[in-house]
Amino acid sequence: MDQTAHALGESGTLWELVERRAELTPGRPVLLQGDRVLTFGGLRERAERCAAGLYAMGVRPGTVVAWQLPTRIETAVLSFALARLGAVQTPVIPFYRDKEVGFALRESEAEFFAVPGVWRGFDHTGMARRLGARGIFEAYDDLPDGDPAVLPPPPSSGTDVRWIYWTSGTTSDPKGVLHTDRSLLAGGSCLAHALRLTAEDVGSMAFPYAHIAGPDYTVMLLLYGFPAVMFEQFALPDALDEYRRHGVTVAGGSTAFYAMFLAEQRKRPGEPVIPTLRLLAGGGAPKPPEIYHAVRKELGCQLTHGYGMTEVPMITMGDPEDTSENLATTEGRPPAGMEIRITGSGEVRLRGEAVCRGYLDPAQTAAAFDEDGFLITGDVGHLTPGGHLVLTGRIKDIIIRKGENISAKEIEDLLHEHPDVGDAAVIGLPDTERGERVCAVVEQPPGAAPLALPQLTAFLREAGLSVHKLPEQLEVVDALPRNETLRKVLKYRLREQFGPRP
């Protein structure tokens, strides 16, 4: 990390980081969206004015403010305005509806709720009223405004809980994850250092800003003083013009995003789809080695993948200067200060400054940490002699067939090498004879030949998969079900769809 970034990284609060960067490079851009440009100095100025407007509305240090807003410059300004006040903010993914939003508002006891009005055909203000939300205000184009002279001093401690993020809640209600400024700063600074970025880079935010990746990424911009392009609605090929227009050098999101960029590149082989692109980076979902090699060969850029979660935004990250073998087959190494413990059963446990403080529900917190203070992740993996983390799946993704443990990820990685498989998910389904049977659910790319189970198992056997791990059921779908944040495959829906009926 260079000396400027190192000094900034010692900030105690997010607002202190904003102020220091604004003093160093006030005129440099930080956020780009369409024709609009927000500089680091402009971010500080607009956030202070917005904080004053919020203060006039009654927002004080410790006030809980929920916001459900798209990825826009105004959203970042509002979030930093709340950080300036020392409020407790709880971002909600804009695609969530009554059930998830109502739960978040009730559990957080939010006193204010910022919404975009009608966005993408849905009336968020109407939903907020329907849910009985308090302090509803719209914050799409216009933000609260006031004279910063009325503001109290900014918060001085970065260790108070000021953030409530929500897990995706795939099979039950989401969990409210408690973060501090320091835990978010730790995650963002580790990401920035791992990717070896410079002030000359141009990043991109193609994911919801309300995701934990929002502050993770923004901390990186503040540390190194480079801008990012924001996408309110991300879709390819429509977004490509913005990538080219702003000369984006770093893009990504998750494995699904890598696949989308590859699909666009395959439409025009030999012509770089984003000429300035030098690095794809992301995490949040498993990365098959085949994807890494395809990106290097076809997109002509580096790919670094990492491991993070709502509870710990940055756990490990690939180093752009690492070997191809490590980048293809591991999740990278942990930064200094992140302790990884692998239990006897192979479960990954974590301890460090980037780890959350726990959950809103004290009982969930008690169940999530072991006696030594390590977070129990539910992921399974191992560390290589060089300290790289290899994830082999989730505990719930271990299929137990006739008493033998089978890793779904091992089969998925091999399926991605099949030319007629675009994407794949492997699940275990109840079976009276075997306990569980292995079911492969695949998407096929356009123009692919139809797949049959015997053909697929023959391919897997030739690739070296043990006979007892071969799928016994094949389902071909138009599209795997995914969430709306990092496009993770929702395996519980596949189990519901293809499992036995109640």
Protein backbone atom coordinates (compact mmCIF):
# COMPACT_ATOMS: atom_id res chain seq x y z
CA MET A 1 0.00 0.00 0.00
CA ASP A 2 1.47 3.43 -0.89
CA GLN A 3 2.11 5.99 1.87
CA THR A 4 -0.99 8.07 1.08
CA ALA A 5 -3.27 5.07 1.21
CA HIS A 6 -1.51 3.78 4.31
CA ALA A 7 -2.11 7.05 6.16
CA LEU A 8 -5.74 7.15 5.07
CA GLY A 9 -6.15 3.54 6.14
CA GLU A 10 -5.43 4.55 9.73
CA SER A 11 -8.65 6.60 9.84
CA GLY A 12 -10.93 5.73 12.71
CA THR A 13 -14.20 6.45 10.92
CA LEU A 14 -15.51 6.47 7.38
CA TRP A 15 -16.16 10.20 7.59
CA GLU A 16 -12.56 10.86 8.58
CA LEU A 17 -11.53 8.94 5.45
CA VAL A 18 -13.80 11.17 3.31
CA GLU A 19 -12.29 14.32 4.81
CA ARG A 20 -8.70 13.21 4.36
CA ARG A 21 -9.21 12.23 0.72
CA ALA A 22 -11.06 15.51 0.00
CA GLU A 23 -8.09 17.44 1.39
CA LEU A 24 -5.59 15.47 -0.71
CA THR A 25 -7.33 15.38 -4.10
CA PRO A 26 -10.50 17.53 -3.96
CA GLY A 27 -10.83 17.93 -7.73
CA ARG A 28 -10.36 14.31 -8.75
CA PRO A 29 -13.49 12.35 -9.66
CA VAL A 30 -14.80 9.61 -7.38
CA LEU A 31 -18.18 8.66 -8.92
CA LEU A 32 -19.18 8.71 -12.59
CA GLN A 33 -22.72 8.14 -13.84
CA GLY A 34 -23.78 9.03 -17.35
CA ASP A 35 -22.72 12.65 -17.87
CA ARG A 36 -22.48 13.34 -14.15
CA VAL A 37 -19.20 13.51 -12.22
CA LEU A 38 -18.81 13.78 -8.45
CA THR A 39 -15.37 14.74 -7.14
CA PHE A 40 -13.90 13.82 -3.77
CA GLY A 41 -14.32 17.43 -2.66
CA GLY A 42 -17.88 17.43 -3.98
CA LEU A 43 -18.65 14.24 -2.07
CA ARG A 44 -17.61 15.88 1.20
CA GLU A 45 -19.52 19.09 0.44
CA ARG A 46 -22.75 17.40 -0.70
CA ALA A 47 -22.68 14.86 2.12
CA GLU A 48 -22.30 17.63 4.72
CA ARG A 49 -25.21 19.57 3.27
CA CYS A 50 -27.31 16.43 3.17
CA ALA A 51 -26.32 15.65 6.77
CA ALA A 52 -27.52 19.12 7.78
CA GLY A 53 -30.85 18.48 6.05
CA LEU A 54 -31.20 15.13 7.82
CA TYR A 55 -30.32 16.80 11.12
CA ALA A 56 -33.15 19.29 10.58
CA MET A 57 -35.50 16.34 10.05
CA GLY A 58 -34.52 14.93 13.44
CA VAL A 59 -31.75 12.47 12.57
CA ARG A 60 -29.18 12.37 15.37
CA PRO A 61 -26.15 10.25 16.28
CA GLY A 62 -27.48 6.74 16.89
CA THR A 63 -30.77 7.28 15.02
CA VAL A 64 -31.62 4.20 12.93
CA VAL A 65 -32.22 5.14 9.28
CA ALA A 66 -33.17 2.50 6.71
CA TRP A 67 -32.69 3.17 3.02
CA GLN A 68 -33.75 1.20 -0.03
CA LEU A 69 -32.16 2.99 -2.97
CA PRO A 70 -30.60 2.05 -6.32
CA THR A 71 -26.95 2.42 -7.25
CA ARG A 72 -26.78 6.18 -7.79
CA ILE A 73 -24.53 9.07 -6.85
CA GLU A 74 -27.30 10.35 -4.56
CA THR A 75 -27.34 7.04 -2.67
CA ALA A 76 -23.63 7.28 -1.89
CA VAL A 77 -24.04 10.91 -0.80
CA LEU A 78 -26.91 10.00 1.54
CA SER A 79 -24.95 7.10 3.02
CA PHE A 80 -21.93 9.30 3.76
CA ALA A 81 -24.21 12.00 5.16
CA LEU A 82 -25.50 9.44 7.66
CA ALA A 83 -21.90 8.44 8.42
CA ARG A 84 -21.11 12.13 9.05
CA LEU A 85 -23.92 12.28 11.63
CA GLY A 86 -22.99 9.00 13.30
CA ALA A 87 -26.44 7.57 12.58
CA VAL A 88 -27.05 3.82 12.40
CA GLN A 89 -27.92 3.00 8.82
CA THR A 90 -29.50 -0.16 7.50
CA PRO A 91 -29.31 -0.52 3.70
CA VAL A 92 -31.97 -2.69 2.04
CA ILE A 93 -31.51 -4.20 -1.44
CA PRO A 94 -33.87 -2.30 -3.80
CA PHE A 95 -35.33 -5.50 -5.28
CA TYR A 96 -36.72 -6.64 -1.91
CA ARG A 97 -40.45 -6.36 -1.38
CA ASP A 98 -42.98 -6.30 1.47
CA LYS A 99 -41.87 -9.43 3.32
CA GLU A 100 -38.14 -8.70 3.47
CA VAL A 101 -38.51 -4.92 3.79
CA GLY A 102 -41.14 -5.19 6.51
CA PHE A 103 -38.92 -7.59 8.44
CA ALA A 104 -35.91 -5.25 8.19
CA LEU A 105 -37.91 -2.22 9.32
CA ARG A 106 -39.41 -4.04 12.30
CA GLU A 107 -36.22 -5.74 13.46
CA SER A 108 -34.03 -2.62 13.15
CA GLU A 109 -36.75 -0.36 14.63
CA ALA A 110 -35.90 2.19 11.93
CA GLU A 111 -37.09 5.73 12.70
CA PHE A 112 -36.64 6.97 9.12
CA PHE A 113 -36.90 5.23 5.75
CA ALA A 114 -35.45 6.64 2.49
CA VAL A 115 -37.01 5.32 -0.73
CA PRO A 116 -36.70 6.13 -4.46
CA GLY A 117 -40.42 6.74 -5.06
CA VAL A 118 -41.54 4.81 -8.12
CA TRP A 119 -38.51 2.93 -9.46
CA ARG A 120 -38.51 0.42 -12.30
CA GLY A 121 -42.30 0.38 -12.24
CA PHE A 122 -42.64 -0.35 -8.52
CA ASP A 123 -44.01 2.14 -6.00
CA HIS A 124 -41.57 2.01 -3.07
CA THR A 125 -43.25 4.92 -1.31
CA GLY A 126 -46.57 3.09 -1.48
CA MET A 127 -44.96 -0.03 -0.05
CA ALA A 128 -43.37 1.96 2.77
CA ARG A 129 -46.75 3.43 3.71
CA ARG A 130 -48.39 0.02 3.45
CA LEU A 131 -45.82 -1.34 5.90
CA GLY A 132 -46.37 1.49 8.36
CA ALA A 133 -42.78 2.73 8.05
CA ARG A 134 -41.82 5.80 10.06
CA GLY A 135 -40.15 8.93 8.71
CA ILE A 136 -40.62 8.08 5.02
CA PHE A 137 -38.80 10.39 2.58
CA GLU A 138 -37.84 10.11 -1.08
CA ALA A 139 -34.15 10.37 -1.97
CA TYR A 140 -33.77 9.63 -5.69
CA ASP A 141 -32.89 12.97 -7.33
CA ASP A 142 -33.36 15.37 -4.42
CA LEU A 143 -31.72 14.91 -1.03
CA PRO A 144 -32.33 16.70 2.25
CA ASP A 145 -30.32 19.92 2.30
CA GLY A 146 -29.17 22.37 4.96
CA ASP A 147 -26.38 24.54 6.33
CA PRO A 148 -23.49 22.42 7.69
CA ALA A 149 -22.92 25.06 10.38
CA VAL A 150 -25.74 23.45 12.41
CA LEU A 151 -24.04 20.06 12.54
CA PRO A 152 -22.60 18.58 15.72
CA PRO A 153 -18.98 17.33 15.63
CA PRO A 154 -18.48 14.20 13.50
CA PRO A 155 -18.25 10.84 15.30
CA SER A 156 -14.86 10.15 16.84
CA SER A 157 -15.14 6.39 17.39
CA GLY A 158 -15.05 3.82 14.61
CA THR A 159 -15.88 0.91 16.88
CA ASP A 160 -19.57 1.65 17.57
CA VAL A 161 -22.14 -0.37 15.63
CA ARG A 162 -23.39 1.98 12.90
CA TRP A 163 -24.39 -0.45 10.15
CA ILE A 164 -27.04 -3.16 9.93
CA TYR A 165 -26.74 -5.26 6.78
CA TRP A 166 -29.10 -8.09 5.87
CA THR A 167 -28.20 -11.60 4.79
CA SER A 168 -30.06 -12.88 1.75
CA GLY A 169 -32.54 -14.95 3.75
CA THR A 170 -32.98 -17.77 1.24
CA THR A 171 -34.76 -20.31 3.44
CA SER A 172 -35.77 -18.17 6.44
CA ASP A 173 -35.96 -14.55 7.51
CA PRO A 174 -32.74 -12.61 6.86
CA LYS A 175 -30.33 -11.88 9.69
CA GLY A 176 -29.39 -8.33 10.66
CA VAL A 177 -25.57 -8.22 10.58
CA LEU A 178 -23.91 -5.62 12.82
CA HIS A 179 -20.90 -3.73 11.46
CA THR A 180 -18.76 -0.82 12.60
CA ASP A 181 -16.89 1.75 10.56
CA ARG A 182 -13.70 -0.07 11.48
CA SER A 183 -14.90 -3.45 10.21
CA LEU A 184 -15.92 -1.90 6.88
CA LEU A 185 -12.66 0.03 6.65
CA ALA A 186 -10.74 -3.17 7.33
CA GLY A 187 -12.56 -4.99 4.54
CA GLY A 188 -12.18 -2.20 1.98
CA SER A 189 -8.53 -1.49 2.71
CA CYS A 190 -7.63 -5.17 2.45
CA LEU A 191 -9.43 -5.40 -0.90
CA ALA A 192 -7.61 -2.32 -2.21
CA HIS A 193 -4.23 -3.66 -1.14
CA ALA A 194 -4.84 -7.14 -2.56
CA LEU A 195 -5.83 -5.90 -6.02
CA ARG A 196 -2.75 -3.64 -6.36
CA LEU A 197 -4.80 -0.77 -7.81
CA THR A 198 -3.50 2.75 -8.46
CA ALA A 199 -4.85 6.27 -8.82
CA GLU A 200 -4.86 5.75 -12.60
CA ASP A 201 -7.46 2.97 -12.48
CA VAL A 202 -11.17 3.35 -13.24
CA GLY A 203 -13.48 0.95 -11.44
CA SER A 204 -17.14 0.04 -11.79
CA MET A 205 -20.10 -0.72 -9.54
CA ALA A 206 -22.48 -3.04 -11.36
CA PHE A 207 -23.95 -4.41 -8.12
CA PRO A 208 -26.49 -2.87 -5.70
CA TYR A 209 -24.84 -0.18 -3.60
CA ALA A 210 -26.98 -1.46 -0.71
CA HIS A 211 -24.96 -4.69 -0.75
CA ILE A 212 -22.04 -5.03 1.68
CA ALA A 213 -19.79 -4.59 -1.39
CA GLY A 214 -20.94 -0.94 -1.58
CA PRO A 215 -18.82 0.42 1.29
CA ASP A 216 -16.14 -2.19 0.60
CA TYR A 217 -15.64 -0.74 -2.87
CA THR A 218 -16.07 2.91 -1.87
CA VAL A 219 -13.40 2.61 0.82
CA MET A 220 -11.07 1.38 -1.92
CA LEU A 221 -11.84 4.50 -4.02
CA LEU A 222 -11.19 6.79 -1.06
CA LEU A 223 -7.92 5.10 -0.19
CA TYR A 224 -6.41 5.19 -3.66
CA GLY A 225 -8.12 8.25 -5.11
CA PHE A 226 -9.56 6.75 -8.30
CA PRO A 227 -13.15 6.83 -9.66
CA ALA A 228 -15.78 4.20 -10.39
CA VAL A 229 -18.65 4.15 -12.86
CA MET A 230 -22.03 3.50 -11.22
CA PHE A 231 -24.72 1.46 -12.99
CA GLU A 232 -28.27 2.03 -11.78
CA GLN A 233 -29.46 -0.81 -13.99
CA PHE A 234 -26.80 -3.24 -15.15
CA ALA A 235 -27.36 -5.33 -18.27
CA LEU A 236 -25.12 -6.43 -21.10
CA PRO A 237 -24.59 -5.44 -23.85
CA ASP A 238 -26.29 -2.12 -22.94
CA ALA A 239 -23.71 -1.23 -20.27
CA LEU A 240 -20.71 -1.73 -22.56
CA ASP A 241 -20.89 1.82 -23.93
CA GLU A 242 -20.37 3.22 -20.42
CA TYR A 243 -17.42 0.90 -19.77
CA ARG A 244 -15.77 2.08 -22.98
CA ARG A 245 -16.72 5.74 -22.57
CA HIS A 246 -15.08 6.02 -19.15
CA GLY A 247 -12.16 3.70 -19.92
CA VAL A 248 -12.92 1.20 -17.16
CA THR A 249 -9.82 -0.79 -16.20
CA VAL A 250 -11.31 -2.91 -13.37
CA ALA A 251 -14.69 -4.64 -13.58
CA GLY A 252 -16.39 -7.65 -12.08
CA GLY A 253 -18.86 -8.56 -9.37
CA SER A 254 -19.13 -12.33 -9.17
CA THR A 255 -18.82 -15.47 -11.30
CA ALA A 256 -22.09 -14.69 -13.09
CA PHE A 257 -20.66 -11.31 -14.16
CA TYR A 258 -17.50 -12.97 -15.52
CA ALA A 259 -19.71 -15.28 -17.58
CA MET A 260 -21.70 -12.33 -18.95
CA PHE A 261 -18.54 -10.54 -20.09
CA LEU A 262 -17.31 -13.75 -21.71
CA ALA A 263 -20.61 -14.16 -23.55
CA GLU A 264 -20.26 -10.66 -25.00
CA GLN A 265 -16.63 -11.26 -25.99
CA ARG A 266 -17.63 -14.43 -27.83
CA LYS A 267 -19.89 -12.38 -30.06
CA ARG A 268 -16.82 -10.58 -31.41
CA PRO A 269 -13.74 -12.80 -31.05
CA GLY A 270 -10.45 -11.02 -31.56
CA GLU A 271 -11.92 -7.57 -30.81
CA PRO A 272 -11.60 -6.58 -27.13
CA VAL A 273 -15.09 -5.95 -25.80
CA ILE A 274 -13.67 -3.37 -23.34
CA PRO A 275 -10.27 -2.27 -24.72
CA THR A 276 -9.09 -0.66 -21.46
CA LEU A 277 -10.01 -3.59 -19.22
CA ARG A 278 -7.02 -5.13 -17.44
CA LEU A 279 -8.63 -6.85 -14.44
CA LEU A 280 -11.81 -8.68 -13.54
CA ALA A 281 -12.25 -9.04 -9.79
CA GLY A 282 -15.04 -10.24 -7.55
CA GLY A 283 -16.32 -12.87 -5.20
CA GLY A 284 -19.52 -13.94 -3.51
CA ALA A 285 -19.95 -17.20 -5.42
CA PRO A 286 -17.79 -20.21 -6.40
CA LYS A 287 -15.48 -19.73 -9.39
CA PRO A 288 -14.81 -22.80 -11.57
CA PRO A 289 -11.19 -22.95 -12.80
CA GLU A 290 -12.51 -23.13 -16.36
CA ILE A 291 -13.93 -19.61 -16.01
CA TYR A 292 -10.52 -18.28 -14.99
CA HIS A 293 -8.77 -19.81 -17.99
CA ALA A 294 -11.50 -18.63 -20.39
CA VAL A 295 -11.20 -15.03 -19.12
CA ARG A 296 -7.43 -15.03 -19.52
CA LYS A 297 -7.60 -16.50 -23.01
CA GLU A 298 -10.62 -14.74 -24.47
CA LEU A 299 -10.91 -11.41 -22.63
CA GLY A 300 -7.14 -11.04 -22.42
CA CYS A 301 -7.18 -9.66 -18.88
CA GLN A 302 -6.34 -10.95 -15.41
CA LEU A 303 -8.99 -12.44 -13.11
CA THR A 304 -8.70 -12.36 -9.33
CA HIS A 305 -11.42 -13.93 -7.23
CA GLY A 306 -11.99 -13.60 -3.51
CA TYR A 307 -14.02 -14.87 -0.60
CA GLY A 308 -16.34 -12.68 1.43
CA MET A 309 -19.79 -12.61 2.98
CA THR A 310 -22.14 -10.11 4.57
CA GLU A 311 -20.61 -10.94 7.96
CA VAL A 312 -17.02 -10.48 6.69
CA PRO A 313 -16.80 -8.40 3.49
CA MET A 314 -13.18 -9.35 2.77
CA ILE A 315 -11.70 -12.70 3.88
CA THR A 316 -9.28 -13.66 1.10
CA MET A 317 -8.47 -12.23 -2.33
CA GLY A 318 -6.43 -13.34 -5.29
CA ASP A 319 -3.29 -11.36 -6.07
CA PRO A 320 -2.99 -10.26 -9.74
CA GLU A 321 0.69 -11.22 -9.63
CA ASP A 322 0.07 -14.73 -8.27
CA THR A 323 0.50 -17.89 -10.36
CA SER A 324 -2.23 -19.01 -12.77
CA GLU A 325 -2.60 -22.22 -10.77
CA ASN A 326 -3.35 -20.36 -7.55
CA LEU A 327 -5.66 -17.86 -9.25
CA ALA A 328 -7.60 -20.62 -10.99
CA THR A 329 -8.00 -23.03 -8.10
CA THR A 330 -7.98 -20.99 -4.88
CA GLU A 331 -9.72 -17.97 -3.33
CA GLY A 332 -6.42 -16.23 -2.65
CA ARG A 333 -4.75 -15.54 0.68
CA PRO A 334 -6.07 -13.73 3.76
CA PRO A 335 -4.69 -10.28 4.56
CA ALA A 336 -2.71 -9.57 7.71
CA GLY A 337 -5.05 -9.62 10.66
CA MET A 338 -7.48 -12.19 9.26
CA GLU A 339 -7.19 -15.50 11.07
CA ILE A 340 -8.54 -18.59 9.34
CA ARG A 341 -9.08 -21.77 11.32
CA ILE A 342 -9.94 -25.05 9.61
CA THR A 343 -11.69 -27.48 11.96
CA GLY A 344 -11.27 -31.24 11.94
CA SER A 345 -14.38 -31.53 9.77
CA GLY A 346 -12.95 -29.02 7.29
CA GLU A 347 -15.19 -26.11 8.31
CA VAL A 348 -13.79 -22.60 7.80
CA ARG A 349 -13.86 -20.28 10.83
CA LEU A 350 -12.74 -16.64 10.97
CA ARG A 351 -11.47 -14.03 13.41
CA GLY A 352 -10.25 -10.50 12.67
CA GLU A 353 -11.11 -6.80 12.49
CA ALA A 354 -13.27 -7.18 9.36
CA VAL A 355 -15.54 -9.70 11.11
CA CYS A 356 -18.95 -8.32 12.11
CA ARG A 357 -19.93 -7.77 15.74
CA GLY A 358 -22.69 -10.35 15.46
CA TYR A 359 -26.40 -10.11 14.72
CA LEU A 360 -29.37 -8.07 15.89
CA ASP A 361 -30.68 -11.23 17.55
CA PRO A 362 -28.37 -12.10 20.50
CA ALA A 363 -29.28 -15.78 20.19
CA GLN A 364 -28.04 -15.80 16.59
CA THR A 365 -24.81 -14.12 17.71
CA ALA A 366 -24.24 -16.74 20.40
CA ALA A 367 -24.72 -19.55 17.88
CA ALA A 368 -22.46 -17.95 15.25
CA PHE A 369 -19.20 -17.76 17.21
CA ASP A 370 -17.20 -20.55 18.84
CA GLU A 371 -15.62 -20.45 22.28
CA ASP A 372 -12.48 -18.76 20.90
CA GLY A 373 -14.40 -15.97 19.17
CA PHE A 374 -14.14 -17.40 15.64
CA LEU A 375 -17.10 -16.89 13.30
CA ILE A 376 -18.58 -20.20 12.14
CA THR A 377 -19.05 -19.78 8.38
CA GLY A 378 -20.65 -23.05 7.30
CA ASP A 379 -18.13 -23.21 4.42
CA VAL A 380 -15.80 -26.17 3.93
CA GLY A 381 -12.23 -25.92 2.67
CA HIS A 382 -8.51 -26.17 3.37
CA LEU A 383 -5.37 -24.06 3.30
CA THR A 384 -2.54 -24.88 0.91
CA PRO A 385 1.09 -24.94 2.14
CA GLY A 386 1.43 -21.44 0.64
CA GLY A 387 -1.47 -20.11 2.70
CA HIS A 388 -4.06 -19.99 -0.10
CA LEU A 389 -7.63 -20.91 0.78
CA VAL A 390 -9.41 -23.58 -1.26
CA LEU A 391 -13.16 -23.77 -0.75
CA THR A 392 -14.77 -27.13 -1.49
CA GLY A 393 -18.37 -26.18 -0.76
CA ARG A 394 -20.89 -25.49 1.96
CA ILE A 395 -21.60 -27.95 4.75
CA LYS A 396 -25.15 -28.13 3.41
CA ASP A 397 -23.70 -28.69 -0.08
CA ILE A 398 -22.09 -31.95 0.99
CA ILE A 399 -24.20 -34.72 -0.52
CA ILE A 400 -24.23 -37.91 1.54
CA ARG A 401 -24.85 -40.83 -0.81
CA LYS A 402 -24.78 -44.30 0.78
CA GLY A 403 -22.71 -42.89 3.64
CA GLU A 404 -20.10 -41.31 1.34
CA ASN A 405 -19.55 -37.52 1.37
CA ILE A 406 -19.65 -35.92 -2.08
CA SER A 407 -18.70 -32.30 -2.80
CA ALA A 408 -21.16 -30.57 -5.12
CA LYS A 409 -18.47 -28.05 -6.11
CA GLU A 410 -16.12 -30.77 -7.39
CA ILE A 411 -18.78 -31.96 -9.84
CA GLU A 412 -19.79 -28.42 -10.81
CA ASP A 413 -16.19 -27.50 -11.68
CA LEU A 414 -15.98 -30.48 -14.04
CA LEU A 415 -19.37 -29.74 -15.60
CA HIS A 416 -18.18 -26.24 -16.51
CA GLU A 417 -15.56 -27.85 -18.76
CA HIS A 418 -18.26 -29.47 -20.92
CA PRO A 419 -18.72 -27.44 -24.14
CA ASP A 420 -22.52 -27.79 -24.02
CA VAL A 421 -22.84 -26.56 -20.42
CA GLY A 422 -23.18 -22.83 -19.81
CA ASP A 423 -23.66 -23.02 -16.06
CA ALA A 424 -24.39 -25.78 -13.58
CA ALA A 425 -25.55 -26.45 -10.05
CA VAL A 426 -25.34 -29.83 -8.31
CA ILE A 427 -27.71 -30.66 -5.47
CA GLY A 428 -28.55 -33.63 -3.29
CA LEU A 429 -32.14 -34.88 -3.35
CA PRO A 430 -33.76 -37.27 -0.87
CA ASP A 431 -33.61 -40.90 -2.00
CA THR A 432 -35.07 -43.86 -0.10
CA GLU A 433 -32.34 -46.25 -1.27
CA ARG A 434 -29.24 -44.03 -1.23
CA GLY A 435 -30.12 -41.42 1.41
CA GLU A 436 -29.39 -38.72 -1.17
CA ARG A 437 -28.92 -38.89 -4.93
CA VAL A 438 -26.80 -36.54 -7.01
CA CYS A 439 -28.78 -34.25 -9.31
CA ALA A 440 -27.11 -31.98 -11.89
CA VAL A 441 -29.08 -28.93 -13.05
CA VAL A 442 -27.58 -27.18 -16.06
CA GLU A 443 -28.07 -24.19 -18.33
CA GLN A 444 -26.98 -24.66 -21.93
CA PRO A 445 -25.45 -21.92 -24.10
CA PRO A 446 -27.24 -20.85 -27.28
CA GLY A 447 -26.89 -23.40 -30.09
CA ALA A 448 -25.68 -26.22 -27.84
CA ALA A 449 -26.61 -29.81 -28.61
CA PRO A 450 -29.23 -31.31 -26.24
CA LEU A 451 -27.72 -33.06 -23.23
CA ALA A 452 -28.62 -36.51 -21.95
CA LEU A 453 -27.57 -38.09 -18.66
CA PRO A 454 -25.51 -40.99 -20.16
CA GLN A 455 -23.56 -38.54 -22.29
CA LEU A 456 -22.90 -36.29 -19.29
CA THR A 457 -21.80 -39.09 -16.96
CA ALA A 458 -19.47 -40.46 -19.65
CA PHE A 459 -17.84 -37.02 -19.86
CA LEU A 460 -17.43 -36.87 -16.09
CA ARG A 461 -15.96 -40.37 -15.90
CA GLU A 462 -13.45 -39.47 -18.60
CA ALA A 463 -12.57 -36.34 -16.59
CA GLY A 464 -11.67 -38.61 -13.66
CA LEU A 465 -14.73 -38.32 -11.41
CA SER A 466 -15.25 -41.34 -9.17
CA VAL A 467 -18.19 -43.54 -10.11
CA HIS A 468 -19.97 -43.06 -6.76
CA LYS A 469 -20.05 -39.27 -7.37
CA LEU A 470 -21.71 -39.42 -10.81
CA PRO A 471 -25.08 -37.63 -11.13
CA GLU A 472 -28.09 -39.95 -11.21
CA GLN A 473 -30.46 -37.22 -12.37
CA LEU A 474 -30.06 -34.48 -14.98
CA GLU A 475 -32.31 -31.45 -15.32
CA VAL A 476 -31.85 -28.88 -18.09
CA VAL A 477 -33.32 -25.43 -17.36
CA ASP A 478 -33.53 -22.21 -19.35
CA ALA A 479 -32.00 -20.27 -16.45
CA LEU A 480 -30.81 -21.18 -12.97
CA PRO A 481 -32.62 -19.23 -10.23
CA ARG A 482 -30.42 -16.47 -8.85
CA ASN A 483 -30.59 -13.68 -6.30
CA GLU A 484 -30.60 -10.05 -7.38
CA THR A 485 -27.33 -8.95 -5.79
CA LEU A 486 -24.32 -10.94 -6.94
CA ARG A 487 -26.40 -13.38 -9.00
CA LYS A 488 -25.77 -16.38 -6.73
CA VAL A 489 -27.58 -19.58 -7.66
CA LEU A 490 -30.43 -20.29 -5.22
CA LYS A 491 -30.06 -24.02 -4.67
CA TYR A 492 -32.97 -24.22 -2.26
CA ARG A 493 -35.28 -23.37 -5.14
CA LEU A 494 -33.80 -26.20 -7.19
CA ARG A 495 -34.33 -28.61 -4.30
CA GLU A 496 -37.94 -27.43 -4.05
CA GLN A 497 -38.44 -27.75 -7.83
CA PHE A 498 -36.87 -31.16 -8.39
CA GLY A 499 -37.20 -32.78 -4.97
CA PRO A 500 -40.13 -34.95 -3.82
CA ARG A 501 -43.46 -33.23 -3.36
CA PRO A 502 -44.79 -33.01 0.23
